[in-house]
């Protein structure tokens, strides 16, 4: 039997805070090719997740907030925000399903944010055509501007210009 308890959440948050990427995950599924991916993900406010879609294979995702809060953004292909949702543990929105093939990202709004993610496996890293060409790759210059933009961006806005 597997459990998600405060010890796991505290440890995951500590790992995320110490990680250069400012995020960490704890898999409940035994292997990356498992048909159902189930994991806890800790994200700190400094983490950057490039907008992406799960199109090959077409996979929906569900995020359930366990601690903290995050903004989930949905985009059209040009980078315009089509939806903005604030999700928080115990808040008015605590879970969200992200439809397959939808460009999206998630950004932590407070330290200690952890969510539970479920999606169809096996895990496949999105191909280059399924990540936002208008957003920098992780580690490239400009990610800090995107992190800040994510937190306050409104529906209809376009991303900051890449330098």
Foldseek 3Di string as FASTA:
>chain_A
DDDDDPVNLVVQLVCLVVDPQSKDKDWPDDDLFPFKTKIKMFHALPHFDFWFFAVVPFKKKKKFKPAAKKWKFWADLQAATADIDIAHHVDPHGMDIGGHLITMDMGGPHRSTMIMMMMGDNDDDGDPVGTRPQQDDPPDPPRNQVSVCSVDPDHGDGGDGDD
